[in-house]
Amino acid sequence: MSYMRGDLLTRTRKLVKGLAKPTPVWLKAMEQAPPVTFPRPDGKIKKIEMPEDVYVRKFFKKHPDSLYHDAVKISGFDPPPARVFAWRVLELKGQGVSEEEAMAVADMEYRAEKKGKKKAYSELKQIARLQGKKPPPNPYPSAIKEIQAEEKKYVHDRFFNPKILDIVQKMKAEKAAEMQDQYRGGGGGGAGGMQPGGRNGGQRWPDCAIYIMHFMESLMMEQEITIIDAHMPELRARYDTQVL
């Protein structure tokens, strides 16, 4: 409707003029001092770009592994290395250094800092070994190792948790029962049921192929479970050594 278009002042004027609403107390004051109107966008949202974004992209192009090894913590206060690199380049350019030299200096500082972190952690582990203690966790872990540390519990539960093993056994039993039902439903059916030249041969042979396919899948799954059961002591020993 036309009276619903426009801002608050325009809509109220239309409603009062059409006798659809009594004149509010604040209308006269708003007409004397109307609210500020801001220009509306043309429908396209412009992408926000910072001055350092150009060098952030160049950093990731030169160090693509940083996307996976340098964790970006949204709730943290430390900026990612790519942003630090870009800020350093802008700082050096502001001091009159050329772009190539600024990028070379920033890249050298990034590599030196990364190498220093690795050296510091290796020294921590060496001190712990000399003291006969467990090595401390890496204070500078990569994003991949952090995810692996979070998933280690679930991997352990898959092979050692009795509840999870019961669920696996139930799933195997349900799969075997489903295969037996499919076999019983596809078997029989008269004299020409399972014969290629029979009357219903074109319908029975695909059922037989489906049964064979499910049977092979169950065999492969049983072989995998058997291999896992055979290596269970080795897996348990490896897990205990990593945890302890």
C-alpha atoms as a PDB file:
ATOM      1  CA  MET A   1       0.000   0.000   0.000  1.00  0.00           C
ATOM      2  CA  SER A   2       1.164   3.545  -0.751  1.00  0.00           C
ATOM      3  CA  TYR A   3       0.680   4.832   2.798  1.00  0.00           C
ATOM      4  CA  MET A   4       3.141   2.229   4.070  1.00  0.00           C
ATOM      5  CA  ARG A   5       5.979   3.518   1.908  1.00  0.00           C
ATOM      6  CA  GLY A   6       8.606   5.978   3.071  1.00  0.00           C
ATOM      7  CA  ASP A   7       9.997   6.773   6.478  1.00  0.00           C
ATOM      8  CA  LEU A   8       8.097   7.235   9.744  1.00  0.00           C
ATOM      9  CA  LEU A   9       7.351  10.919   9.132  1.00  0.00           C
ATOM     10  CA  THR A  10       6.026  10.336   5.606  1.00  0.00           C
ATOM     11  CA  ARG A  11       3.817   7.416   6.645  1.00  0.00           C
ATOM     12  CA  THR A  12       2.381   9.324   9.616  1.00  0.00           C
ATOM     13  CA  ARG A  13       1.536  12.331   7.413  1.00  0.00           C
ATOM     14  CA  LYS A  14      -0.341  10.097   4.978  1.00  0.00           C
ATOM     15  CA  LEU A  15      -2.290   8.365   7.757  1.00  0.00           C
ATOM     16  CA  VAL A  16      -3.236  11.661   9.415  1.00  0.00           C
ATOM     17  CA  LYS A  17      -4.222  13.224   6.096  1.00  0.00           C
ATOM     18  CA  GLY A  18      -6.408  10.237   5.256  1.00  0.00           C
ATOM     19  CA  LEU A  19      -8.094  10.427   8.688  1.00  0.00           C
ATOM     20  CA  ALA A  20      -6.870   6.910   9.453  1.00  0.00           C
ATOM     21  CA  LYS A  21      -4.979   8.042  12.533  1.00  0.00           C
ATOM     22  CA  PRO A  22      -5.278  10.970  14.954  1.00  0.00           C
ATOM     23  CA  THR A  23      -2.525  13.556  14.867  1.00  0.00           C
ATOM     24  CA  PRO A  24       0.218  12.432  17.292  1.00  0.00           C
ATOM     25  CA  VAL A  25       1.758  14.903  19.713  1.00  0.00           C
ATOM     26  CA  TRP A  26       5.271  14.523  18.270  1.00  0.00           C
ATOM     27  CA  LEU A  27       4.314  15.103  14.606  1.00  0.00           C
ATOM     28  CA  LYS A  28       4.694  18.892  14.660  1.00  0.00           C
ATOM     29  CA  ALA A  29       8.092  18.697  16.383  1.00  0.00           C
ATOM     30  CA  MET A  30       9.322  16.061  13.923  1.00  0.00           C
ATOM     31  CA  GLU A  31       8.222  18.212  10.982  1.00  0.00           C
ATOM     32  CA  GLN A  32      10.255  21.119  12.331  1.00  0.00           C
ATOM     33  CA  ALA A  33      13.332  18.939  12.925  1.00  0.00           C
ATOM     34  CA  PRO A  34      13.041  15.882  10.651  1.00  0.00           C
ATOM     35  CA  PRO A  35      15.365  12.902  11.252  1.00  0.00           C
ATOM     36  CA  VAL A  36      18.527  12.553   9.247  1.00  0.00           C
ATOM     37  CA  THR A  37      18.187  10.442   6.098  1.00  0.00           C
ATOM     38  CA  PHE A  38      21.091   8.377   4.828  1.00  0.00           C
ATOM     39  CA  PRO A  39      21.555   7.411   1.177  1.00  0.00           C
ATOM     40  CA  ARG A  40      20.548   3.857   0.437  1.00  0.00           C
ATOM     41  CA  PRO A  41      22.935   1.488  -1.383  1.00  0.00           C
ATOM     42  CA  ASP A  42      22.256   0.546  -4.971  1.00  0.00           C
ATOM     43  CA  GLY A  43      21.638  -3.084  -3.972  1.00  0.00           C
ATOM     44  CA  LYS A  44      25.275  -4.210  -4.257  1.00  0.00           C
ATOM     45  CA  ILE A  45      27.167  -4.716  -1.035  1.00  0.00           C
ATOM     46  CA  LYS A  46      30.713  -3.539  -1.457  1.00  0.00           C
ATOM     47  CA  LYS A  47      33.462  -5.817  -0.240  1.00  0.00           C
ATOM     48  CA  ILE A  48      35.375  -4.433   2.721  1.00  0.00           C
ATOM     49  CA  GLU A  49      39.090  -4.379   1.961  1.00  0.00           C
ATOM     50  CA  MET A  50      41.887  -3.256   4.221  1.00  0.00           C
ATOM     51  CA  PRO A  51      45.138  -1.739   2.955  1.00  0.00           C
ATOM     52  CA  GLU A  52      47.086  -4.839   4.015  1.00  0.00           C
ATOM     53  CA  ASP A  53      44.838  -7.373   2.258  1.00  0.00           C
ATOM     54  CA  VAL A  54      47.011  -7.246  -0.867  1.00  0.00           C
ATOM     55  CA  TYR A  55      50.058  -8.411   1.079  1.00  0.00           C
ATOM     56  CA  VAL A  56      48.018 -10.994   2.992  1.00  0.00           C
ATOM     57  CA  ARG A  57      47.169 -12.656  -0.325  1.00  0.00           C
ATOM     58  CA  LYS A  58      50.797 -12.473  -1.417  1.00  0.00           C
ATOM     59  CA  PHE A  59      51.844 -14.079   1.867  1.00  0.00           C
ATOM     60  CA  PHE A  60      49.476 -17.034   1.405  1.00  0.00           C
ATOM     61  CA  LYS A  61      50.647 -17.390  -2.190  1.00  0.00           C
ATOM     62  CA  LYS A  62      54.244 -17.666  -0.976  1.00  0.00           C
ATOM     63  CA  HIS A  63      53.440 -19.743   2.145  1.00  0.00           C
ATOM     64  CA  PRO A  64      50.331 -21.837   1.338  1.00  0.00           C
ATOM     65  CA  ASP A  65      51.026 -24.197   4.268  1.00  0.00           C
ATOM     66  CA  SER A  66      50.338 -21.335   6.660  1.00  0.00           C
ATOM     67  CA  LEU A  67      46.613 -21.780   5.991  1.00  0.00           C
ATOM     68  CA  TYR A  68      46.734 -25.182   7.714  1.00  0.00           C
ATOM     69  CA  HIS A  69      49.601 -24.912  10.205  1.00  0.00           C
ATOM     70  CA  ASP A  70      49.071 -21.392  11.558  1.00  0.00           C
ATOM     71  CA  ALA A  71      45.810 -21.499  13.469  1.00  0.00           C
ATOM     72  CA  VAL A  72      43.460 -18.514  13.149  1.00  0.00           C
ATOM     73  CA  LYS A  73      41.810 -18.151  16.558  1.00  0.00           C
ATOM     74  CA  ILE A  74      38.790 -15.892  16.258  1.00  0.00           C
ATOM     75  CA  SER A  75      38.458 -15.495  20.037  1.00  0.00           C
ATOM     76  CA  GLY A  76      42.175 -14.821  20.494  1.00  0.00           C
ATOM     77  CA  PHE A  77      44.010 -11.516  20.625  1.00  0.00           C
ATOM     78  CA  ASP A  78      47.091 -12.493  18.612  1.00  0.00           C
ATOM     79  CA  PRO A  79      46.768 -11.746  14.881  1.00  0.00           C
ATOM     80  CA  PRO A  80      47.657 -14.485  12.377  1.00  0.00           C
ATOM     81  CA  PRO A  81      51.140 -14.449  10.833  1.00  0.00           C
ATOM     82  CA  ALA A  82      49.782 -13.319   7.462  1.00  0.00           C
ATOM     83  CA  ARG A  83      48.329 -10.172   8.998  1.00  0.00           C
ATOM     84  CA  VAL A  84      51.551  -9.480  10.939  1.00  0.00           C
ATOM     85  CA  PHE A  85      53.503  -9.898   7.696  1.00  0.00           C
ATOM     86  CA  ALA A  86      51.259  -7.421   5.875  1.00  0.00           C
ATOM     87  CA  TRP A  87      51.432  -4.855   8.676  1.00  0.00           C
ATOM     88  CA  ARG A  88      55.207  -5.116   8.710  1.00  0.00           C
ATOM     89  CA  VAL A  89      55.355  -4.495   4.955  1.00  0.00           C
ATOM     90  CA  LEU A  90      53.169  -1.392   5.286  1.00  0.00           C
ATOM     91  CA  GLU A  91      55.302  -0.151   8.184  1.00  0.00           C
ATOM     92  CA  LEU A  92      58.522  -0.515   6.185  1.00  0.00           C
ATOM     93  CA  LYS A  93      56.965   1.115   3.127  1.00  0.00           C
ATOM     94  CA  GLY A  94      55.936   4.043   5.310  1.00  0.00           C
ATOM     95  CA  GLN A  95      59.603   4.439   6.268  1.00  0.00           C
ATOM     96  CA  GLY A  96      60.610   4.775   2.618  1.00  0.00           C
ATOM     97  CA  VAL A  97      61.610   1.164   1.900  1.00  0.00           C
ATOM     98  CA  SER A  98      60.673  -0.278  -1.485  1.00  0.00           C
ATOM     99  CA  GLU A  99      57.947  -2.906  -1.706  1.00  0.00           C
ATOM    100  CA  GLU A 100      60.270  -5.762  -2.699  1.00  0.00           C
ATOM    101  CA  GLU A 101      62.734  -5.039   0.097  1.00  0.00           C
ATOM    102  CA  ALA A 102      59.916  -4.638   2.631  1.00  0.00           C
ATOM    103  CA  MET A 103      58.420  -7.991   1.657  1.00  0.00           C
ATOM    104  CA  ALA A 104      61.857  -9.636   1.836  1.00  0.00           C
ATOM    105  CA  VAL A 105      62.479  -8.263   5.333  1.00  0.00           C
ATOM    106  CA  ALA A 106      59.010  -9.266   6.559  1.00  0.00           C
ATOM    107  CA  ASP A 107      59.432 -12.749   5.102  1.00  0.00           C
ATOM    108  CA  MET A 108      62.843 -13.136   6.756  1.00  0.00           C
ATOM    109  CA  GLU A 109      61.358 -12.113  10.124  1.00  0.00           C
ATOM    110  CA  TYR A 110      58.497 -14.609   9.702  1.00  0.00           C
ATOM    111  CA  ARG A 111      60.887 -17.456   8.937  1.00  0.00           C
ATOM    112  CA  ALA A 112      63.147 -16.510  11.865  1.00  0.00           C
ATOM    113  CA  GLU A 113      60.199 -16.426  14.277  1.00  0.00           C
ATOM    114  CA  LYS A 114      58.930 -19.795  13.050  1.00  0.00           C
ATOM    115  CA  LYS A 115      62.397 -21.327  13.373  1.00  0.00           C
ATOM    116  CA  GLY A 116      62.786 -19.851  16.863  1.00  0.00           C
ATOM    117  CA  LYS A 117      59.504 -21.428  18.020  1.00  0.00           C
ATOM    118  CA  LYS A 118      60.621 -24.867  16.816  1.00  0.00           C
ATOM    119  CA  LYS A 119      63.992 -24.473  18.507  1.00  0.00           C
ATOM    120  CA  ALA A 120      62.379 -23.378  21.791  1.00  0.00           C
ATOM    121  CA  TYR A 121      60.081 -26.408  21.841  1.00  0.00           C
ATOM    122  CA  SER A 122      62.933 -28.794  21.044  1.00  0.00           C
ATOM    123  CA  GLU A 123      64.883 -27.356  23.977  1.00  0.00           C
ATOM    124  CA  LEU A 124      61.853 -27.825  26.254  1.00  0.00           C
ATOM    125  CA  LYS A 125      61.603 -31.484  25.231  1.00  0.00           C
ATOM    126  CA  GLN A 126      65.331 -31.992  25.764  1.00  0.00           C
ATOM    127  CA  ILE A 127      65.132 -30.516  29.280  1.00  0.00           C
ATOM    128  CA  ALA A 128      62.131 -32.747  30.084  1.00  0.00           C
ATOM    129  CA  ARG A 129      64.031 -35.855  28.917  1.00  0.00           C
ATOM    130  CA  LEU A 130      67.030 -34.950  31.069  1.00  0.00           C
ATOM    131  CA  GLN A 131      64.737 -34.560  34.080  1.00  0.00           C
ATOM    132  CA  GLY A 132      62.963 -37.839  33.316  1.00  0.00           C
ATOM    133  CA  LYS A 133      59.599 -36.133  32.841  1.00  0.00           C
ATOM    134  CA  LYS A 134      56.979 -36.286  30.158  1.00  0.00           C
ATOM    135  CA  PRO A 135      57.618 -33.726  27.377  1.00  0.00           C
ATOM    136  CA  PRO A 136      55.300 -30.728  27.723  1.00  0.00           C
ATOM    137  CA  PRO A 137      52.718 -29.987  25.017  1.00  0.00           C
ATOM    138  CA  ASN A 138      53.806 -27.770  22.189  1.00  0.00           C
ATOM    139  CA  PRO A 139      53.001 -24.156  23.108  1.00  0.00           C
ATOM    140  CA  TYR A 140      52.831 -23.352  19.389  1.00  0.00           C
ATOM    141  CA  PRO A 141      50.820 -26.243  17.892  1.00  0.00           C
ATOM    142  CA  SER A 142      49.665 -26.224  14.315  1.00  0.00           C
ATOM    143  CA  ALA A 143      45.971 -26.180  13.462  1.00  0.00           C
ATOM    144  CA  ILE A 144      46.178 -29.730  12.079  1.00  0.00           C
ATOM    145  CA  LYS A 145      47.737 -31.100  15.275  1.00  0.00           C
ATOM    146  CA  GLU A 146      45.136 -29.332  17.408  1.00  0.00           C
ATOM    147  CA  ILE A 147      42.360 -31.004  15.431  1.00  0.00           C
ATOM    148  CA  GLN A 148      44.119 -34.375  15.675  1.00  0.00           C
ATOM    149  CA  ALA A 149      44.428 -33.954  19.452  1.00  0.00           C
ATOM    150  CA  GLU A 150      40.687 -33.301  19.682  1.00  0.00           C
ATOM    151  CA  GLU A 151      39.880 -36.337  17.523  1.00  0.00           C
ATOM    152  CA  LYS A 152      42.252 -38.739  19.332  1.00  0.00           C
ATOM    153  CA  LYS A 153      39.647 -39.462  22.027  1.00  0.00           C
ATOM    154  CA  TYR A 154      37.033 -40.496  19.462  1.00  0.00           C
ATOM    155  CA  VAL A 155      39.526 -42.684  17.591  1.00  0.00           C
ATOM    156  CA  HIS A 156      40.406 -44.420  20.859  1.00  0.00           C
ATOM    157  CA  ASP A 157      36.715 -44.921  21.699  1.00  0.00           C
ATOM    158  CA  ARG A 158      36.121 -46.531  18.302  1.00  0.00           C
ATOM    159  CA  PHE A 159      38.530 -49.386  19.083  1.00  0.00           C
ATOM    160  CA  PHE A 160      38.490 -49.653  22.898  1.00  0.00           C
ATOM    161  CA  ASN A 161      35.203 -48.273  24.261  1.00  0.00           C
ATOM    162  CA  PRO A 162      32.871 -51.221  25.082  1.00  0.00           C
ATOM    163  CA  LYS A 163      29.753 -49.182  24.257  1.00  0.00           C
ATOM    164  CA  ILE A 164      31.047 -48.296  20.800  1.00  0.00           C
ATOM    165  CA  LEU A 165      32.069 -51.904  20.173  1.00  0.00           C
ATOM    166  CA  ASP A 166      28.545 -53.059  21.140  1.00  0.00           C
ATOM    167  CA  ILE A 167      27.084 -50.584  18.639  1.00  0.00           C
ATOM    168  CA  VAL A 168      29.407 -51.954  15.934  1.00  0.00           C
ATOM    169  CA  GLN A 169      28.321 -55.520  16.706  1.00  0.00           C
ATOM    170  CA  LYS A 170      24.649 -54.511  16.558  1.00  0.00           C
ATOM    171  CA  MET A 171      25.222 -52.796  13.207  1.00  0.00           C
ATOM    172  CA  LYS A 172      26.890 -55.966  11.868  1.00  0.00           C
ATOM    173  CA  ALA A 173      23.976 -58.090  13.093  1.00  0.00           C
ATOM    174  CA  GLU A 174      21.419 -55.727  11.525  1.00  0.00           C
ATOM    175  CA  LYS A 175      23.363 -55.789   8.245  1.00  0.00           C
ATOM    176  CA  ALA A 176      23.450 -59.598   8.227  1.00  0.00           C
ATOM    177  CA  ALA A 177      19.702 -59.797   9.002  1.00  0.00           C
ATOM    178  CA  GLU A 178      18.943 -57.326   6.219  1.00  0.00           C
ATOM    179  CA  MET A 179      20.976 -59.378   3.752  1.00  0.00           C
ATOM    180  CA  GLN A 180      19.157 -62.567   4.760  1.00  0.00           C
ATOM    181  CA  ASP A 181      15.768 -60.875   4.285  1.00  0.00           C
ATOM    182  CA  GLN A 182      16.793 -59.650   0.845  1.00  0.00           C
ATOM    183  CA  TYR A 183      17.980 -63.144  -0.084  1.00  0.00           C
ATOM    184  CA  ARG A 184      14.750 -64.745   1.090  1.00  0.00           C
ATOM    185  CA  GLY A 185      12.670 -62.192  -0.767  1.00  0.00           C
ATOM    186  CA  GLY A 186      14.641 -62.703  -3.971  1.00  0.00           C
ATOM    187  CA  GLY A 187      14.743 -66.542  -3.859  1.00  0.00           C
ATOM    188  CA  GLY A 188      12.123 -69.051  -5.070  1.00  0.00           C
ATOM    189  CA  GLY A 189       9.297 -67.853  -7.317  1.00  0.00           C
ATOM    190  CA  GLY A 190       8.411 -70.907  -9.415  1.00  0.00           C
ATOM    191  CA  ALA A 191      10.133 -73.086 -11.931  1.00  0.00           C
ATOM    192  CA  GLY A 192      11.527 -70.259 -14.011  1.00  0.00           C
ATOM    193  CA  GLY A 193      12.543 -68.094 -11.010  1.00  0.00           C
ATOM    194  CA  MET A 194      16.349 -68.414 -11.102  1.00  0.00           C
ATOM    195  CA  GLN A 195      16.766 -69.661 -14.655  1.00  0.00           C
ATOM    196  CA  PRO A 196      18.010 -67.316 -17.333  1.00  0.00           C
ATOM    197  CA  GLY A 197      15.451 -68.585 -19.848  1.00  0.00           C
ATOM    198  CA  GLY A 198      12.532 -68.685 -17.394  1.00  0.00           C
ATOM    199  CA  ARG A 199       9.564 -66.419 -17.419  1.00  0.00           C
ATOM    200  CA  ASN A 200      10.768 -64.226 -14.550  1.00  0.00           C
ATOM    201  CA  GLY A 201      14.473 -64.669 -15.199  1.00  0.00           C
ATOM    202  CA  GLY A 202      14.944 -60.990 -16.104  1.00  0.00           C
ATOM    203  CA  GLN A 203      13.636 -60.007 -12.659  1.00  0.00           C
ATOM    204  CA  ARG A 204      15.400 -62.646 -10.538  1.00  0.00           C
ATOM    205  CA  TRP A 205      18.909 -62.290 -11.886  1.00  0.00           C
ATOM    206  CA  PRO A 206      19.285 -58.622 -10.765  1.00  0.00           C
ATOM    207  CA  ASP A 207      18.134 -59.669  -7.265  1.00  0.00           C
ATOM    208  CA  CYS A 208      20.806 -62.359  -7.237  1.00  0.00           C
ATOM    209  CA  ALA A 209      23.439 -59.827  -8.319  1.00  0.00           C
ATOM    210  CA  ILE A 210      22.375 -57.456  -5.526  1.00  0.00           C
ATOM    211  CA  TYR A 211      22.635 -60.287  -2.994  1.00  0.00           C
ATOM    212  CA  ILE A 212      26.136 -61.183  -4.231  1.00  0.00           C
ATOM    213  CA  MET A 213      27.188 -57.523  -3.979  1.00  0.00           C
ATOM    214  CA  HIS A 214      25.934 -57.221  -0.374  1.00  0.00           C
ATOM    215  CA  PHE A 215      27.564 -60.541   0.477  1.00  0.00           C
ATOM    216  CA  MET A 216      30.924 -59.312  -0.833  1.00  0.00           C
ATOM    217  CA  GLU A 217      30.565 -56.067   1.162  1.00  0.00           C
ATOM    218  CA  SER A 218      29.915 -58.028   4.349  1.00  0.00           C
ATOM    219  CA  LEU A 219      32.960 -60.206   3.656  1.00  0.00           C
ATOM    220  CA  MET A 220      35.149 -57.130   3.178  1.00  0.00           C
ATOM    221  CA  MET A 221      33.826 -55.598   6.402  1.00  0.00           C
ATOM    222  CA  GLU A 222      34.452 -58.841   8.308  1.00  0.00           C
ATOM    223  CA  GLN A 223      37.990 -58.972   6.903  1.00  0.00           C
ATOM    224  CA  GLU A 224      38.636 -55.400   8.071  1.00  0.00           C
ATOM    225  CA  ILE A 225      37.302 -56.201  11.548  1.00  0.00           C
ATOM    226  CA  THR A 226      39.463 -59.337  11.637  1.00  0.00           C
ATOM    227  CA  ILE A 227      42.568 -57.345  10.676  1.00  0.00           C
ATOM    228  CA  ILE A 228      41.779 -54.743  13.339  1.00  0.00           C
ATOM    229  CA  ASP A 229      41.248 -57.451  15.974  1.00  0.00           C
ATOM    230  CA  ALA A 230      44.557 -59.056  15.004  1.00  0.00           C
ATOM    231  CA  HIS A 231      46.421 -55.753  15.443  1.00  0.00           C
ATOM    232  CA  MET A 232      44.500 -54.693  18.556  1.00  0.00           C
ATOM    233  CA  PRO A 233      47.394 -55.357  21.020  1.00  0.00           C
ATOM    234  CA  GLU A 234      49.758 -53.344  18.840  1.00  0.00           C
ATOM    235  CA  LEU A 235      47.253 -50.467  18.585  1.00  0.00           C
ATOM    236  CA  ARG A 236      46.690 -50.513  22.335  1.00  0.00           C
ATOM    237  CA  ALA A 237      50.444 -50.464  23.008  1.00  0.00           C
ATOM    238  CA  ARG A 238      50.955 -47.545  20.621  1.00  0.00           C
ATOM    239  CA  TYR A 239      48.126 -45.589  22.183  1.00  0.00           C
ATOM    240  CA  ASP A 240      49.423 -46.218  25.723  1.00  0.00           C
ATOM    241  CA  THR A 241      52.922 -45.064  24.769  1.00  0.00           C
ATOM    242  CA  GLN A 242      51.551 -41.881  23.167  1.00  0.00           C
ATOM    243  CA  VAL A 243      49.318 -41.050  26.129  1.00  0.00           C
ATOM    244  CA  LEU A 244      51.796 -41.984  28.848  1.00  0.00           C
END
